[in-house]
Amino acid sequence: MKAAVRTRYGPPEVVRVAEVSKPAPGDGEVLVKVHATTVNRTDCGLRAAKPFIYRFFTGLRRPRLTVLGNEFAGQVEAVGGGVTAFAVGDDVFGWSPNRFGAHAEYVTVPAHGSLATMPAKLTYEQAAPGTEGWHYARSAITTAGVQPGQDVLVNGATGAIGSATVQLLASIGAKITAVCATAHLELVRDLGADRVIDYTAEDFTRDGRTYDVVFDAVGKSSFGRCRRLLRPRGTYVSSDLGPLSQNPVLALVTPLLGRRRVRFPIPTQRDPAAVMRHLRDLLESGAFTPLIDRRYPLDQIVEAYRYVEAGQKLGNVVITVIPRPPGGSP
């Protein structure tokens, strides 16, 4: 099968499309024929081993994970022993944050993990980018303990995580101030923001208002810069480790030093299959719609990496692994 492979850390050019062995599902696993996947910030960070701490989990000198990609949508090709929740031919989508491997024509995933049947009427390209950004957004909102009516500022409201965050906050009745570029002001309002700050015209950290929660969805700010935006019992949350990997440390220290605190969200799920079914319902009802910026074929995945790392993507960048035939379904 074809897969986007890298055997060393480095820039996008370390990735190449090559023929590799097709995996087989073990007991409790599902083999998915991948039709669509994504390139996201997680893939970029692991590919380059930036921050360096990634190497402690993925290999100090060379990466143990040679095929990246953690979001996917496709069709069940085979099931392993004991699998009853899925059958051959099912259209599925999912998230594989620990095993990766979705930048390929086939991937094996646990049947009890973050996997669900496809939402009705969605294409593979529409379903694939619905998972990681939503999971991180949900984790940040839960970690911060956002309640209906609270004031929340979201920096980076047009990224995969930020756009999902705005939509989820709107669904629970939070009051949202979103930060984005001039060209996307109306888009962010349509996602559910009550107020928008154009970062090309003003520094959002100088905003005259204060907030219950400040969420940096792109990791381009810091607690130090955003502290003045927080109310006395306000919370700062970021999707990134922060300068010098400070955010996990601050999450331990700030509750002891003052009323304003840092929380560091780590997506954990006791029942990932149930969470995925909930996500499927949101996608199916239209309550959540992942933004899609560009689509690339698998053979152009290096160009996709370059674009994502340019830092200007709008939502998600989709990789089409198996093109959908004209008039095909889904």
C-alpha atoms as a PDB file:
ATOM      1  CA  MET A   1       0.000   0.000   0.000  1.00  0.00           C
ATOM      2  CA  LYS A   2       0.996   3.638  -0.359  1.00  0.00           C
ATOM      3  CA  ALA A   3       1.925   5.606   2.742  1.00  0.00           C
ATOM      4  CA  ALA A   4       3.615   8.903   3.613  1.00  0.00           C
ATOM      5  CA  VAL A   5       6.767   7.725   5.394  1.00  0.00           C
ATOM      6  CA  ARG A   6       9.537   9.489   7.289  1.00  0.00           C
ATOM      7  CA  THR A   7      12.492   7.756   8.934  1.00  0.00           C
ATOM      8  CA  ARG A   8      14.137  10.809  10.508  1.00  0.00           C
ATOM      9  CA  TYR A   9      13.093  14.067  12.105  1.00  0.00           C
ATOM     10  CA  GLY A  10      13.191  17.222  10.059  1.00  0.00           C
ATOM     11  CA  PRO A  11      11.399  19.567   7.650  1.00  0.00           C
ATOM     12  CA  PRO A  12       8.507  18.547   5.359  1.00  0.00           C
ATOM     13  CA  GLU A  13      10.983  17.139   2.843  1.00  0.00           C
ATOM     14  CA  VAL A  14      11.816  14.189   5.126  1.00  0.00           C
ATOM     15  CA  VAL A  15       8.395  12.767   4.192  1.00  0.00           C
ATOM     16  CA  ARG A  16       8.055  10.648   1.053  1.00  0.00           C
ATOM     17  CA  VAL A  17       5.254   8.530  -0.380  1.00  0.00           C
ATOM     18  CA  ALA A  18       6.371   4.919  -0.637  1.00  0.00           C
ATOM     19  CA  GLU A  19       5.073   1.362  -0.820  1.00  0.00           C
ATOM     20  CA  VAL A  20       4.875  -0.331   2.579  1.00  0.00           C
ATOM     21  CA  SER A  21       3.310  -3.500   3.912  1.00  0.00           C
ATOM     22  CA  LYS A  22      -0.445  -3.484   4.393  1.00  0.00           C
ATOM     23  CA  PRO A  23      -1.349  -3.966   8.082  1.00  0.00           C
ATOM     24  CA  ALA A  24      -3.635  -6.722   9.317  1.00  0.00           C
ATOM     25  CA  PRO A  25      -6.113  -6.282  12.169  1.00  0.00           C
ATOM     26  CA  GLY A  26      -5.428  -8.123  15.400  1.00  0.00           C
ATOM     27  CA  ASP A  27      -7.995  -9.172  17.968  1.00  0.00           C
ATOM     28  CA  GLY A  28     -10.213  -6.240  18.862  1.00  0.00           C
ATOM     29  CA  GLU A  29      -8.994  -4.187  15.907  1.00  0.00           C
ATOM     30  CA  VAL A  30     -10.500  -2.804  12.727  1.00  0.00           C
ATOM     31  CA  LEU A  31      -8.696  -2.382   9.389  1.00  0.00           C
ATOM     32  CA  VAL A  32      -9.860   0.823   7.703  1.00  0.00           C
ATOM     33  CA  LYS A  33      -9.336   1.627   4.045  1.00  0.00           C
ATOM     34  CA  VAL A  34      -8.509   5.330   4.387  1.00  0.00           C
ATOM     35  CA  HIS A  35     -10.240   7.682   1.974  1.00  0.00           C
ATOM     36  CA  ALA A  36      -9.322  10.955   3.695  1.00  0.00           C
ATOM     37  CA  THR A  37      -7.025  12.168   6.465  1.00  0.00           C
ATOM     38  CA  THR A  38      -5.504  15.502   7.534  1.00  0.00           C
ATOM     39  CA  VAL A  39      -2.193  17.241   8.160  1.00  0.00           C
ATOM     40  CA  ASN A  40      -2.362  19.196  11.406  1.00  0.00           C
ATOM     41  CA  ARG A  41      -0.137  20.869  13.983  1.00  0.00           C
ATOM     42  CA  THR A  42       0.356  17.590  15.836  1.00  0.00           C
ATOM     43  CA  ASP A  43       1.707  15.907  12.706  1.00  0.00           C
ATOM     44  CA  CYS A  44       4.046  18.836  12.081  1.00  0.00           C
ATOM     45  CA  GLY A  45       5.348  18.810  15.632  1.00  0.00           C
ATOM     46  CA  LEU A  46       6.011  15.074  15.680  1.00  0.00           C
ATOM     47  CA  ARG A  47       7.577  15.098  12.227  1.00  0.00           C
ATOM     48  CA  ALA A  48      10.088  17.767  13.246  1.00  0.00           C
ATOM     49  CA  ALA A  49      10.340  16.744  16.935  1.00  0.00           C
ATOM     50  CA  LYS A  50       9.513  20.298  17.995  1.00  0.00           C
ATOM     51  CA  PRO A  51       9.400  20.760  20.892  1.00  0.00           C
ATOM     52  CA  PHE A  52      12.320  18.424  21.635  1.00  0.00           C
ATOM     53  CA  ILE A  53      10.340  16.732  24.419  1.00  0.00           C
ATOM     54  CA  TYR A  54       8.474  14.765  21.730  1.00  0.00           C
ATOM     55  CA  ARG A  55      11.595  12.639  21.246  1.00  0.00           C
ATOM     56  CA  PHE A  56      11.229  11.146  24.709  1.00  0.00           C
ATOM     57  CA  PHE A  57       7.962   9.583  23.558  1.00  0.00           C
ATOM     58  CA  THR A  58       8.648   8.886  19.875  1.00  0.00           C
ATOM     59  CA  GLY A  59      12.383   8.043  19.786  1.00  0.00           C
ATOM     60  CA  LEU A  60      15.443  10.069  20.762  1.00  0.00           C
ATOM     61  CA  ARG A  61      17.499   9.637  17.591  1.00  0.00           C
ATOM     62  CA  ARG A  62      15.005   8.336  15.057  1.00  0.00           C
ATOM     63  CA  PRO A  63      11.201   8.231  15.109  1.00  0.00           C
ATOM     64  CA  ARG A  64       9.528   4.976  16.019  1.00  0.00           C
ATOM     65  CA  LEU A  65       6.366   6.187  14.293  1.00  0.00           C
ATOM     66  CA  THR A  66       7.240   6.267  10.609  1.00  0.00           C
ATOM     67  CA  VAL A  67       3.702   6.971   9.341  1.00  0.00           C
ATOM     68  CA  LEU A  68       1.919   9.948  10.895  1.00  0.00           C
ATOM     69  CA  GLY A  69      -1.702  11.078  10.582  1.00  0.00           C
ATOM     70  CA  ASN A  70      -4.175  10.817  13.448  1.00  0.00           C
ATOM     71  CA  GLU A  71      -7.512  11.711  11.794  1.00  0.00           C
ATOM     72  CA  PHE A  72      -9.185   9.564   9.174  1.00  0.00           C
ATOM     73  CA  ALA A  73     -12.381   8.597   7.424  1.00  0.00           C
ATOM     74  CA  GLY A  74     -12.862   5.533   5.282  1.00  0.00           C
ATOM     75  CA  GLN A  75     -14.407   2.106   4.970  1.00  0.00           C
ATOM     76  CA  VAL A  76     -13.962  -0.989   7.120  1.00  0.00           C
ATOM     77  CA  GLU A  77     -11.929  -3.499   5.107  1.00  0.00           C
ATOM     78  CA  ALA A  78     -11.637  -6.230   7.743  1.00  0.00           C
ATOM     79  CA  VAL A  79     -12.254  -6.835  11.457  1.00  0.00           C
ATOM     80  CA  GLY A  80     -10.234  -8.790  13.974  1.00  0.00           C
ATOM     81  CA  GLY A  81     -11.405 -11.377  16.451  1.00  0.00           C
ATOM     82  CA  GLY A  82     -14.056 -10.302  18.927  1.00  0.00           C
ATOM     83  CA  VAL A  83     -15.157  -7.202  17.017  1.00  0.00           C
ATOM     84  CA  THR A  84     -18.932  -6.870  16.867  1.00  0.00           C
ATOM     85  CA  ALA A  85     -19.493  -3.090  16.786  1.00  0.00           C
ATOM     86  CA  PHE A  86     -18.306  -2.747  13.181  1.00  0.00           C
ATOM     87  CA  ALA A  87     -18.665  -4.826  10.041  1.00  0.00           C
ATOM     88  CA  VAL A  88     -16.896  -4.978   6.695  1.00  0.00           C
ATOM     89  CA  GLY A  89     -18.232  -2.211   4.448  1.00  0.00           C
ATOM     90  CA  ASP A  90     -19.120   0.227   7.253  1.00  0.00           C
ATOM     91  CA  ASP A  91     -18.185   3.839   6.552  1.00  0.00           C
ATOM     92  CA  VAL A  92     -16.309   5.094   9.625  1.00  0.00           C
ATOM     93  CA  PHE A  93     -14.310   8.039  10.894  1.00  0.00           C
ATOM     94  CA  GLY A  94     -12.023   8.379  13.861  1.00  0.00           C
ATOM     95  CA  TRP A  95      -9.003   9.652  15.708  1.00  0.00           C
ATOM     96  CA  SER A  96      -5.826   7.754  16.547  1.00  0.00           C
ATOM     97  CA  PRO A  97      -3.791  10.097  18.787  1.00  0.00           C
ATOM     98  CA  ASN A  98      -1.418   7.440  20.106  1.00  0.00           C
ATOM     99  CA  ARG A  99      -0.869   5.047  17.202  1.00  0.00           C
ATOM    100  CA  PHE A 100      -1.162   7.443  14.242  1.00  0.00           C
ATOM    101  CA  GLY A 101      -0.679   5.755  10.824  1.00  0.00           C
ATOM    102  CA  ALA A 102      -3.532   7.453   8.933  1.00  0.00           C
ATOM    103  CA  HIS A 103      -1.309   8.959   6.225  1.00  0.00           C
ATOM    104  CA  ALA A 104      -1.681   5.710   4.338  1.00  0.00           C
ATOM    105  CA  GLU A 105      -4.133   3.697   2.291  1.00  0.00           C
ATOM    106  CA  TYR A 106      -4.894   1.447   5.289  1.00  0.00           C
ATOM    107  CA  VAL A 107      -4.744   1.861   9.058  1.00  0.00           C
ATOM    108  CA  THR A 108      -5.586  -0.458  11.961  1.00  0.00           C
ATOM    109  CA  VAL A 109      -7.359   1.010  14.996  1.00  0.00           C
ATOM    110  CA  PRO A 110      -8.917  -0.404  18.174  1.00  0.00           C
ATOM    111  CA  ALA A 111     -12.620  -1.099  17.723  1.00  0.00           C
ATOM    112  CA  HIS A 112     -13.306   0.222  21.242  1.00  0.00           C
ATOM    113  CA  GLY A 113     -11.325   3.430  20.667  1.00  0.00           C
ATOM    114  CA  SER A 114     -12.146   6.764  19.025  1.00  0.00           C
ATOM    115  CA  LEU A 115     -14.047   5.250  16.116  1.00  0.00           C
ATOM    116  CA  ALA A 116     -17.645   5.652  14.955  1.00  0.00           C
ATOM    117  CA  THR A 117     -19.784   5.108  11.906  1.00  0.00           C
ATOM    118  CA  MET A 118     -19.863   8.072   9.537  1.00  0.00           C
ATOM    119  CA  PRO A 119     -22.412  10.860   9.984  1.00  0.00           C
ATOM    120  CA  ALA A 120     -25.167  10.683   7.386  1.00  0.00           C
ATOM    121  CA  LYS A 121     -24.752  12.855   4.291  1.00  0.00           C
ATOM    122  CA  LEU A 122     -21.108  13.735   5.020  1.00  0.00           C
ATOM    123  CA  THR A 123     -18.307  12.868   2.616  1.00  0.00           C
ATOM    124  CA  TYR A 124     -15.082  11.282   3.804  1.00  0.00           C
ATOM    125  CA  GLU A 125     -13.341  14.631   3.263  1.00  0.00           C
ATOM    126  CA  GLN A 126     -15.880  16.377   5.482  1.00  0.00           C
ATOM    127  CA  ALA A 127     -15.795  13.791   8.276  1.00  0.00           C
ATOM    128  CA  ALA A 128     -12.030  13.252   8.561  1.00  0.00           C
ATOM    129  CA  PRO A 129     -11.190  16.726   9.969  1.00  0.00           C
ATOM    130  CA  GLY A 130     -13.957  16.594  12.551  1.00  0.00           C
ATOM    131  CA  THR A 131     -12.054  14.825  15.313  1.00  0.00           C
ATOM    132  CA  GLU A 132      -8.775  16.248  16.652  1.00  0.00           C
ATOM    133  CA  GLY A 133      -9.707  19.935  16.751  1.00  0.00           C
ATOM    134  CA  TRP A 134     -13.040  19.124  18.386  1.00  0.00           C
ATOM    135  CA  HIS A 135     -11.431  16.854  20.975  1.00  0.00           C
ATOM    136  CA  TYR A 136      -8.902  19.524  22.004  1.00  0.00           C
ATOM    137  CA  ALA A 137     -11.590  22.207  22.072  1.00  0.00           C
ATOM    138  CA  ARG A 138     -13.841  20.029  24.227  1.00  0.00           C
ATOM    139  CA  SER A 139     -10.957  19.234  26.559  1.00  0.00           C
ATOM    140  CA  ALA A 140     -10.031  22.924  26.961  1.00  0.00           C
ATOM    141  CA  ILE A 141     -13.621  23.945  27.721  1.00  0.00           C
ATOM    142  CA  THR A 142     -14.043  21.106  30.218  1.00  0.00           C
ATOM    143  CA  THR A 143     -10.684  21.780  31.880  1.00  0.00           C
ATOM    144  CA  ALA A 144     -11.483  25.477  32.278  1.00  0.00           C
ATOM    145  CA  GLY A 145     -14.927  24.648  33.627  1.00  0.00           C
ATOM    146  CA  VAL A 146     -16.694  27.123  31.350  1.00  0.00           C
ATOM    147  CA  GLN A 147     -20.284  27.805  32.384  1.00  0.00           C
ATOM    148  CA  PRO A 148     -23.190  29.350  30.432  1.00  0.00           C
ATOM    149  CA  GLY A 149     -23.025  33.134  30.480  1.00  0.00           C
ATOM    150  CA  GLN A 150     -19.298  33.351  31.230  1.00  0.00           C
ATOM    151  CA  ASP A 151     -17.065  35.641  29.186  1.00  0.00           C
ATOM    152  CA  VAL A 152     -14.436  33.755  27.180  1.00  0.00           C
ATOM    153  CA  LEU A 153     -11.749  35.111  24.846  1.00  0.00           C
ATOM    154  CA  VAL A 154     -10.479  32.740  22.133  1.00  0.00           C
ATOM    155  CA  ASN A 155      -7.196  33.619  20.429  1.00  0.00           C
ATOM    156  CA  GLY A 156      -6.761  31.871  17.081  1.00  0.00           C
ATOM    157  CA  ALA A 157     -10.463  31.462  16.366  1.00  0.00           C
ATOM    158  CA  THR A 158     -10.022  30.305  12.760  1.00  0.00           C
ATOM    159  CA  GLY A 159      -7.732  27.340  13.342  1.00  0.00           C
ATOM    160  CA  ALA A 160      -8.952  23.761  13.653  1.00  0.00           C
ATOM    161  CA  ILE A 161      -9.055  23.963  17.454  1.00  0.00           C
ATOM    162  CA  GLY A 162     -10.144  27.602  17.672  1.00  0.00           C
ATOM    163  CA  SER A 163     -13.036  27.306  15.233  1.00  0.00           C
ATOM    164  CA  ALA A 164     -14.282  24.212  17.056  1.00  0.00           C
ATOM    165  CA  THR A 165     -13.941  26.035  20.387  1.00  0.00           C
ATOM    166  CA  VAL A 166     -16.062  28.972  19.225  1.00  0.00           C
ATOM    167  CA  GLN A 167     -18.802  26.635  18.020  1.00  0.00           C
ATOM    168  CA  LEU A 168     -18.805  24.590  21.236  1.00  0.00           C
ATOM    169  CA  LEU A 169     -18.783  27.684  23.441  1.00  0.00           C
ATOM    170  CA  ALA A 170     -21.725  29.099  21.494  1.00  0.00           C
ATOM    171  CA  SER A 171     -23.641  25.849  21.989  1.00  0.00           C
ATOM    172  CA  ILE A 172     -23.344  26.098  25.801  1.00  0.00           C
ATOM    173  CA  GLY A 173     -24.264  29.779  25.924  1.00  0.00           C
ATOM    174  CA  ALA A 174     -20.922  31.398  26.719  1.00  0.00           C
ATOM    175  CA  LYS A 175     -20.218  35.003  25.710  1.00  0.00           C
ATOM    176  CA  ILE A 176     -17.434  34.806  23.146  1.00  0.00           C
ATOM    177  CA  THR A 177     -14.794  37.314  22.094  1.00  0.00           C
ATOM    178  CA  ALA A 178     -12.774  35.864  19.223  1.00  0.00           C
ATOM    179  CA  VAL A 179      -9.403  36.983  17.850  1.00  0.00           C
ATOM    180  CA  CYS A 180      -8.668  36.593  14.142  1.00  0.00           C
ATOM    181  CA  ALA A 181      -7.431  38.427  11.026  1.00  0.00           C
ATOM    182  CA  THR A 182      -9.411  41.032   9.080  1.00  0.00           C
ATOM    183  CA  ALA A 183     -10.453  38.692   6.282  1.00  0.00           C
ATOM    184  CA  HIS A 184     -12.166  36.291   8.676  1.00  0.00           C
ATOM    185  CA  LEU A 185     -14.189  38.602  10.934  1.00  0.00           C
ATOM    186  CA  GLU A 186     -17.548  37.673   9.433  1.00  0.00           C
ATOM    187  CA  LEU A 187     -16.697  33.979   9.325  1.00  0.00           C
ATOM    188  CA  VAL A 188     -15.950  33.957  13.043  1.00  0.00           C
ATOM    189  CA  ARG A 189     -19.173  35.818  13.793  1.00  0.00           C
ATOM    190  CA  ASP A 190     -21.020  33.162  11.808  1.00  0.00           C
ATOM    191  CA  LEU A 191     -19.381  30.475  13.969  1.00  0.00           C
ATOM    192  CA  GLY A 192     -20.985  32.072  17.026  1.00  0.00           C
ATOM    193  CA  ALA A 193     -18.674  34.815  18.310  1.00  0.00           C
ATOM    194  CA  ASP A 194     -20.427  37.761  19.961  1.00  0.00           C
ATOM    195  CA  ARG A 195     -17.466  40.098  19.520  1.00  0.00           C
ATOM    196  CA  VAL A 196     -14.392  39.936  17.290  1.00  0.00           C
ATOM    197  CA  ILE A 197     -10.936  41.506  17.657  1.00  0.00           C
ATOM    198  CA  ASP A 198      -8.844  41.990  14.511  1.00  0.00           C
ATOM    199  CA  TYR A 199      -5.295  41.173  15.600  1.00  0.00           C
ATOM    200  CA  THR A 200      -3.862  42.938  12.535  1.00  0.00           C
ATOM    201  CA  ALA A 201      -5.338  46.220  13.810  1.00  0.00           C
ATOM    202  CA  GLU A 202      -4.931  45.896  17.578  1.00  0.00           C
ATOM    203  CA  ASP A 203      -3.151  43.866  20.233  1.00  0.00           C
ATOM    204  CA  PHE A 204      -5.795  41.705  21.882  1.00  0.00           C
ATOM    205  CA  THR A 205      -3.756  41.572  25.102  1.00  0.00           C
ATOM    206  CA  ARG A 206      -4.449  45.327  25.445  1.00  0.00           C
ATOM    207  CA  ASP A 207      -8.202  44.788  25.331  1.00  0.00           C
ATOM    208  CA  GLY A 208     -10.045  46.897  27.886  1.00  0.00           C
ATOM    209  CA  ARG A 209     -12.334  44.056  28.942  1.00  0.00           C
ATOM    210  CA  THR A 210     -11.661  41.197  31.338  1.00  0.00           C
ATOM    211  CA  TYR A 211     -12.691  37.553  31.016  1.00  0.00           C
ATOM    212  CA  ASP A 212     -13.478  34.471  33.039  1.00  0.00           C
ATOM    213  CA  VAL A 213     -11.414  32.353  30.639  1.00  0.00           C
ATOM    214  CA  VAL A 214      -8.764  33.163  28.042  1.00  0.00           C
ATOM    215  CA  PHE A 215      -8.031  30.295  25.644  1.00  0.00           C
ATOM    216  CA  ASP A 216      -5.019  30.532  23.342  1.00  0.00           C
ATOM    217  CA  ALA A 217      -5.944  28.022  20.637  1.00  0.00           C
ATOM    218  CA  VAL A 218      -2.781  28.620  18.586  1.00  0.00           C
ATOM    219  CA  GLY A 219      -0.120  28.789  21.291  1.00  0.00           C
ATOM    220  CA  LYS A 220       1.163  32.199  20.194  1.00  0.00           C
ATOM    221  CA  SER A 221       0.695  34.057  23.461  1.00  0.00           C
ATOM    222  CA  SER A 222       1.453  33.345  27.123  1.00  0.00           C
ATOM    223  CA  PHE A 223      -0.023  33.558  30.605  1.00  0.00           C
ATOM    224  CA  GLY A 224       2.215  36.535  31.325  1.00  0.00           C
ATOM    225  CA  ARG A 225       0.834  38.520  28.405  1.00  0.00           C
ATOM    226  CA  CYS A 226      -2.783  37.503  29.024  1.00  0.00           C
ATOM    227  CA  ARG A 227      -2.835  37.727  32.817  1.00  0.00           C
ATOM    228  CA  ARG A 228      -4.221  41.276  32.796  1.00  0.00           C
ATOM    229  CA  LEU A 229      -7.210  40.071  30.762  1.00  0.00           C
ATOM    230  CA  LEU A 230      -8.283  37.654  33.489  1.00  0.00           C
ATOM    231  CA  ARG A 231     -10.744  38.408  36.231  1.00  0.00           C
ATOM    232  CA  PRO A 232      -9.565  37.710  39.807  1.00  0.00           C
ATOM    233  CA  ARG A 233     -10.588  34.052  39.578  1.00  0.00           C
ATOM    234  CA  GLY A 234      -9.987  33.765  35.844  1.00  0.00           C
ATOM    235  CA  THR A 235      -8.366  30.862  34.017  1.00  0.00           C
ATOM    236  CA  TYR A 236      -5.807  30.814  31.207  1.00  0.00           C
ATOM    237  CA  VAL A 237      -5.800  27.748  28.955  1.00  0.00           C
ATOM    238  CA  SER A 238      -3.555  27.036  25.975  1.00  0.00           C
ATOM    239  CA  SER A 239      -3.378  24.307  23.344  1.00  0.00           C
ATOM    240  CA  ASP A 240       0.425  24.589  23.405  1.00  0.00           C
ATOM    241  CA  LEU A 241       3.185  23.910  25.920  1.00  0.00           C
ATOM    242  CA  GLY A 242       4.051  27.615  25.833  1.00  0.00           C
ATOM    243  CA  PRO A 243       7.441  29.402  25.945  1.00  0.00           C
ATOM    244  CA  LEU A 244      10.061  27.072  27.442  1.00  0.00           C
ATOM    245  CA  SER A 245       7.266  24.513  27.963  1.00  0.00           C
ATOM    246  CA  GLN A 246       6.005  26.594  30.869  1.00  0.00           C
ATOM    247  CA  ASN A 247       2.262  25.899  30.760  1.00  0.00           C
ATOM    248  CA  PRO A 248       2.249  22.448  32.426  1.00  0.00           C
ATOM    249  CA  VAL A 249       4.483  23.864  35.185  1.00  0.00           C
ATOM    250  CA  LEU A 250       2.313  26.955  35.618  1.00  0.00           C
ATOM    251  CA  ALA A 251      -0.744  24.699  35.849  1.00  0.00           C
ATOM    252  CA  LEU A 252       0.827  23.187  38.977  1.00  0.00           C
ATOM    253  CA  VAL A 253       2.166  26.421  40.477  1.00  0.00           C
ATOM    254  CA  THR A 254      -0.437  29.138  39.819  1.00  0.00           C
ATOM    255  CA  PRO A 255      -3.220  27.605  41.958  1.00  0.00           C
ATOM    256  CA  LEU A 256      -0.833  27.931  44.924  1.00  0.00           C
ATOM    257  CA  LEU A 257       0.303  31.502  44.235  1.00  0.00           C
ATOM    258  CA  GLY A 258      -2.772  33.487  43.316  1.00  0.00           C
ATOM    259  CA  ARG A 259      -6.359  33.504  42.254  1.00  0.00           C
ATOM    260  CA  ARG A 260      -5.641  33.676  38.508  1.00  0.00           C
ATOM    261  CA  ARG A 261      -4.517  30.300  37.315  1.00  0.00           C
ATOM    262  CA  VAL A 262      -3.283  28.289  34.356  1.00  0.00           C
ATOM    263  CA  ARG A 263      -4.941  25.025  33.400  1.00  0.00           C
ATOM    264  CA  PHE A 264      -3.325  22.649  30.921  1.00  0.00           C
ATOM    265  CA  PRO A 265      -5.856  20.477  29.049  1.00  0.00           C
ATOM    266  CA  ILE A 266      -4.953  16.866  28.311  1.00  0.00           C
ATOM    267  CA  PRO A 267      -7.632  15.051  26.281  1.00  0.00           C
ATOM    268  CA  THR A 268      -8.534  11.903  28.199  1.00  0.00           C
ATOM    269  CA  GLN A 269     -11.583   9.744  27.669  1.00  0.00           C
ATOM    270  CA  ARG A 270     -13.040   7.011  29.829  1.00  0.00           C
ATOM    271  CA  ASP A 271     -15.340   5.919  27.024  1.00  0.00           C
ATOM    272  CA  PRO A 272     -13.900   7.112  23.682  1.00  0.00           C
ATOM    273  CA  ALA A 273     -16.509   5.234  21.650  1.00  0.00           C
ATOM    274  CA  ALA A 274     -19.323   7.094  23.436  1.00  0.00           C
ATOM    275  CA  VAL A 275     -17.538  10.409  22.902  1.00  0.00           C
ATOM    276  CA  MET A 276     -17.249   9.643  19.189  1.00  0.00           C
ATOM    277  CA  ARG A 277     -20.925   8.815  18.956  1.00  0.00           C
ATOM    278  CA  HIS A 278     -21.693  12.177  20.558  1.00  0.00           C
ATOM    279  CA  LEU A 279     -19.419  13.896  18.025  1.00  0.00           C
ATOM    280  CA  ARG A 280     -21.137  12.047  15.190  1.00  0.00           C
ATOM    281  CA  ASP A 281     -24.506  13.358  16.410  1.00  0.00           C
ATOM    282  CA  LEU A 282     -23.159  16.930  16.483  1.00  0.00           C
ATOM    283  CA  LEU A 283     -21.798  16.623  12.949  1.00  0.00           C
ATOM    284  CA  GLU A 284     -24.989  15.031  11.708  1.00  0.00           C
ATOM    285  CA  SER A 285     -27.200  17.747  13.205  1.00  0.00           C
ATOM    286  CA  GLY A 286     -24.966  20.575  11.997  1.00  0.00           C
ATOM    287  CA  ALA A 287     -24.273  21.754  15.556  1.00  0.00           C
ATOM    288  CA  PHE A 288     -20.566  21.420  14.739  1.00  0.00           C
ATOM    289  CA  THR A 289     -18.994  21.802  11.303  1.00  0.00           C
ATOM    290  CA  PRO A 290     -15.214  21.549  10.895  1.00  0.00           C
ATOM    291  CA  LEU A 291     -13.706  24.272   8.724  1.00  0.00           C
ATOM    292  CA  ILE A 292     -11.798  23.048   5.676  1.00  0.00           C
ATOM    293  CA  ASP A 293      -9.180  25.242   4.048  1.00  0.00           C
ATOM    294  CA  ARG A 294      -7.478  23.147   1.382  1.00  0.00           C
ATOM    295  CA  ARG A 295      -7.391  19.610   0.008  1.00  0.00           C
ATOM    296  CA  TYR A 296      -4.293  17.819  -1.283  1.00  0.00           C
ATOM    297  CA  PRO A 297      -3.862  14.318  -2.749  1.00  0.00           C
ATOM    298  CA  LEU A 298      -1.605  11.979  -0.776  1.00  0.00           C
ATOM    299  CA  ASP A 299       1.139  12.391  -3.387  1.00  0.00           C
ATOM    300  CA  GLN A 300       1.315  16.106  -2.502  1.00  0.00           C
ATOM    301  CA  ILE A 301       1.477  15.701   1.271  1.00  0.00           C
ATOM    302  CA  VAL A 302       4.822  17.529   1.466  1.00  0.00           C
ATOM    303  CA  GLU A 303       3.138  20.619   0.002  1.00  0.00           C
ATOM    304  CA  ALA A 304       0.378  20.202   2.591  1.00  0.00           C
ATOM    305  CA  TYR A 305       2.968  20.182   5.396  1.00  0.00           C
ATOM    306  CA  ARG A 306       4.549  23.352   4.013  1.00  0.00           C
ATOM    307  CA  TYR A 307       1.193  25.102   3.914  1.00  0.00           C
ATOM    308  CA  VAL A 308       0.226  24.104   7.454  1.00  0.00           C
ATOM    309  CA  GLU A 309       3.578  25.292   8.780  1.00  0.00           C
ATOM    310  CA  ALA A 310       3.107  28.667   7.103  1.00  0.00           C
ATOM    311  CA  GLY A 311       0.739  29.341  10.010  1.00  0.00           C
ATOM    312  CA  GLN A 312      -2.109  30.845   7.980  1.00  0.00           C
ATOM    313  CA  LYS A 313      -4.442  27.895   7.454  1.00  0.00           C
ATOM    314  CA  LEU A 314      -8.153  28.343   7.998  1.00  0.00           C
ATOM    315  CA  GLY A 315      -9.430  25.352   9.931  1.00  0.00           C
ATOM    316  CA  ASN A 316      -8.198  22.063   8.493  1.00  0.00           C
ATOM    317  CA  VAL A 317      -6.053  20.786   5.635  1.00  0.00           C
ATOM    318  CA  VAL A 318      -7.445  17.544   4.212  1.00  0.00           C
ATOM    319  CA  ILE A 319      -5.473  14.813   2.444  1.00  0.00           C
ATOM    320  CA  THR A 320      -7.470  12.786  -0.063  1.00  0.00           C
ATOM    321  CA  VAL A 321      -6.010   9.290  -0.048  1.00  0.00           C
ATOM    322  CA  ILE A 322      -8.557   7.596  -2.328  1.00  0.00           C
ATOM    323  CA  PRO A 323     -10.361  10.096  -4.585  1.00  0.00           C
ATOM    324  CA  ARG A 324     -14.144   9.875  -4.575  1.00  0.00           C
ATOM    325  CA  PRO A 325     -15.442   9.010  -8.046  1.00  0.00           C
ATOM    326  CA  PRO A 326     -17.817  11.518  -9.681  1.00  0.00           C
ATOM    327  CA  GLY A 327     -21.273  10.946  -8.252  1.00  0.00           C
ATOM    328  CA  GLY A 328     -19.845   8.515  -5.728  1.00  0.00           C
ATOM    329  CA  SER A 329     -21.093   8.156  -2.160  1.00  0.00           C
ATOM    330  CA  PRO A 330     -20.319   9.219   0.433  1.00  0.00           C
END
